[in-house]
C-alpha atoms as a PDB file:
ATOM      1  CA  UNK A   1      69.158  92.963 140.515  1.00  0.00           C
ATOM      2  CA  UNK A   2      67.045  94.806 137.969  1.00  0.00           C
ATOM      3  CA  UNK A   3      68.834  96.559 135.074  1.00  0.00           C
ATOM      4  CA  UNK A   4      67.654  99.723 133.406  1.00  0.00           C
ATOM      5  CA  UNK A   5      66.548  99.262 129.801  1.00  0.00           C
ATOM      6  CA  UNK A   6      69.213 100.193 127.234  1.00  0.00           C
ATOM      7  CA  UNK A   7      69.265 103.824 126.144  1.00  0.00           C
ATOM      8  CA  UNK A   8      69.416 104.729 122.493  1.00  0.00           C
ATOM      9  CA  UNK A   9      72.631 106.405 121.400  1.00  0.00           C
ATOM     10  CA  UNK A  10      71.153 107.516 118.101  1.00  0.00           C
ATOM     11  CA  UNK A  11      71.580 106.504 114.540  1.00  0.00           C
ATOM     12  CA  UNK A  12      75.193 106.006 113.603  1.00  0.00           C
ATOM     13  CA  UNK A  13      76.519 108.401 110.990  1.00  0.00           C
ATOM     14  CA  UNK A  14      79.031 106.338 109.039  1.00  0.00           C
ATOM     15  CA  UNK A  15      82.092 107.631 107.206  1.00  0.00           C
ATOM     16  CA  UNK A  16      84.394 105.500 105.070  1.00  0.00           C
ATOM     17  CA  UNK A  17      88.103 106.346 104.819  1.00  0.00           C
ATOM     18  CA  UNK A  18      91.013 104.556 103.140  1.00  0.00           C
ATOM     19  CA  UNK A  19      91.616 102.339 106.172  1.00  0.00           C
ATOM     20  CA  UNK A  20      88.550 102.542 108.409  1.00  0.00           C
ATOM     21  CA  UNK A  21      84.782 102.538 108.615  1.00  0.00           C
ATOM     22  CA  UNK A  22      83.989 105.176 111.255  1.00  0.00           C
ATOM     23  CA  UNK A  23      80.640 105.375 113.045  1.00  0.00           C
ATOM     24  CA  UNK A  24      79.798 108.497 115.057  1.00  0.00           C
ATOM     25  CA  UNK A  25      77.578 108.315 118.145  1.00  0.00           C
ATOM     26  CA  UNK A  26      75.809 110.668 120.542  1.00  0.00           C
ATOM     27  CA  UNK A  27      77.309 108.654 123.424  1.00  0.00           C
ATOM     28  CA  UNK A  28      80.125 110.019 125.559  1.00  0.00           C
ATOM     29  CA  UNK A  29      83.739 108.872 125.065  1.00  0.00           C
ATOM     30  CA  UNK A  30      84.357 105.725 127.107  1.00  0.00           C
ATOM     31  CA  UNK A  31      80.711 104.596 126.941  1.00  0.00           C
ATOM     32  CA  UNK A  32      80.098 101.029 125.830  1.00  0.00           C
ATOM     33  CA  UNK A  33      77.496 100.630 123.086  1.00  0.00           C
ATOM     34  CA  UNK A  34      75.924  97.870 121.030  1.00  0.00           C
ATOM     35  CA  UNK A  35      75.909  98.467 117.274  1.00  0.00           C
ATOM     36  CA  UNK A  36      72.852  97.163 115.433  1.00  0.00           C
ATOM     37  CA  UNK A  37      71.864  96.875 111.790  1.00  0.00           C
ATOM     38  CA  UNK A  38      68.081  97.023 111.347  1.00  0.00           C
ATOM     39  CA  UNK A  39      67.714  96.148 115.062  1.00  0.00           C
ATOM     40  CA  UNK A  40      69.940  93.050 114.705  1.00  0.00           C
ATOM     41  CA  UNK A  41      72.945  92.987 117.055  1.00  0.00           C
ATOM     42  CA  UNK A  42      76.306  93.260 115.283  1.00  0.00           C
ATOM     43  CA  UNK A  43      78.962  94.005 117.934  1.00  0.00           C
ATOM     44  CA  UNK A  44      79.790  95.865 121.154  1.00  0.00           C
ATOM     45  CA  UNK A  45      82.328  98.709 121.164  1.00  0.00           C
ATOM     46  CA  UNK A  46      83.737 101.464 123.347  1.00  0.00           C
ATOM     47  CA  UNK A  47      83.274 105.032 122.115  1.00  0.00           C
ATOM     48  CA  UNK A  48      86.637 106.695 121.425  1.00  0.00           C
ATOM     49  CA  UNK A  49      87.815 110.175 122.400  1.00  0.00           C
ATOM     50  CA  UNK A  50      86.293 111.752 119.301  1.00  0.00           C
ATOM     51  CA  UNK A  51      82.879 110.161 119.910  1.00  0.00           C
ATOM     52  CA  UNK A  52      83.573 107.577 117.228  1.00  0.00           C
ATOM     53  CA  UNK A  53      83.971 103.849 116.717  1.00  0.00           C
ATOM     54  CA  UNK A  54      86.651 102.890 114.199  1.00  0.00           C
ATOM     55  CA  UNK A  55      86.489  99.526 112.472  1.00  0.00           C
ATOM     56  CA  UNK A  56      89.356  98.465 110.207  1.00  0.00           C
ATOM     57  CA  UNK A  57      88.312  97.991 106.582  1.00  0.00           C
ATOM     58  CA  UNK A  58      88.491  94.445 105.309  1.00  0.00           C
ATOM     59  CA  UNK A  59      87.252  92.902 108.560  1.00  0.00           C
ATOM     60  CA  UNK A  60      84.015  90.937 108.720  1.00  0.00           C
ATOM     61  CA  UNK A  61      82.320  93.644 110.806  1.00  0.00           C
ATOM     62  CA  UNK A  62      83.397  96.456 108.467  1.00  0.00           C
ATOM     63  CA  UNK A  63      82.150  94.469 105.468  1.00  0.00           C
ATOM     64  CA  UNK A  64      78.765  93.940 107.136  1.00  0.00           C
ATOM     65  CA  UNK A  65      78.483  97.677 107.854  1.00  0.00           C
ATOM     66  CA  UNK A  66      79.386  98.529 104.246  1.00  0.00           C
ATOM     67  CA  UNK A  67      76.850  95.988 102.939  1.00  0.00           C
ATOM     68  CA  UNK A  68      74.216  97.534 105.212  1.00  0.00           C
ATOM     69  CA  UNK A  69      74.993 100.993 103.824  1.00  0.00           C
ATOM     70  CA  UNK A  70      74.610  99.676 100.268  1.00  0.00           C
ATOM     71  CA  UNK A  71      71.181  98.274 101.169  1.00  0.00           C
ATOM     72  CA  UNK A  72      70.078 101.481 102.959  1.00  0.00           C
ATOM     73  CA  UNK A  73      69.775  99.539 106.209  1.00  0.00           C
ATOM     74  CA  UNK A  74      69.460 101.474 109.464  1.00  0.00           C
ATOM     75  CA  UNK A  75      72.571 101.449 111.661  1.00  0.00           C
ATOM     76  CA  UNK A  76      71.866 102.297 115.298  1.00  0.00           C
ATOM     77  CA  UNK A  77      73.644 102.221 118.639  1.00  0.00           C
ATOM     78  CA  UNK A  78      72.326 101.634 122.144  1.00  0.00           C
ATOM     79  CA  UNK A  79      74.019 101.619 125.524  1.00  0.00           C
ATOM     80  CA  UNK A  80      75.252  98.152 126.433  1.00  0.00           C
END
């Protein structure tokens, strides 16, 4: 069975709060997306009701996202 190529869900706008790193996507709530840093796969997530992915601060994934922001790396999402 042939799969369609992944669709881009845009560049993730990232917001940092006291407890979370929040990435916003163009994808619809409930969609499953891959999060990439400079085209390198980081993790797969489900888009929440607000069109966001919340990652708890202090986790390995959140730290990698924050490091990428410090280095001006490109954070993108694509449909999984």
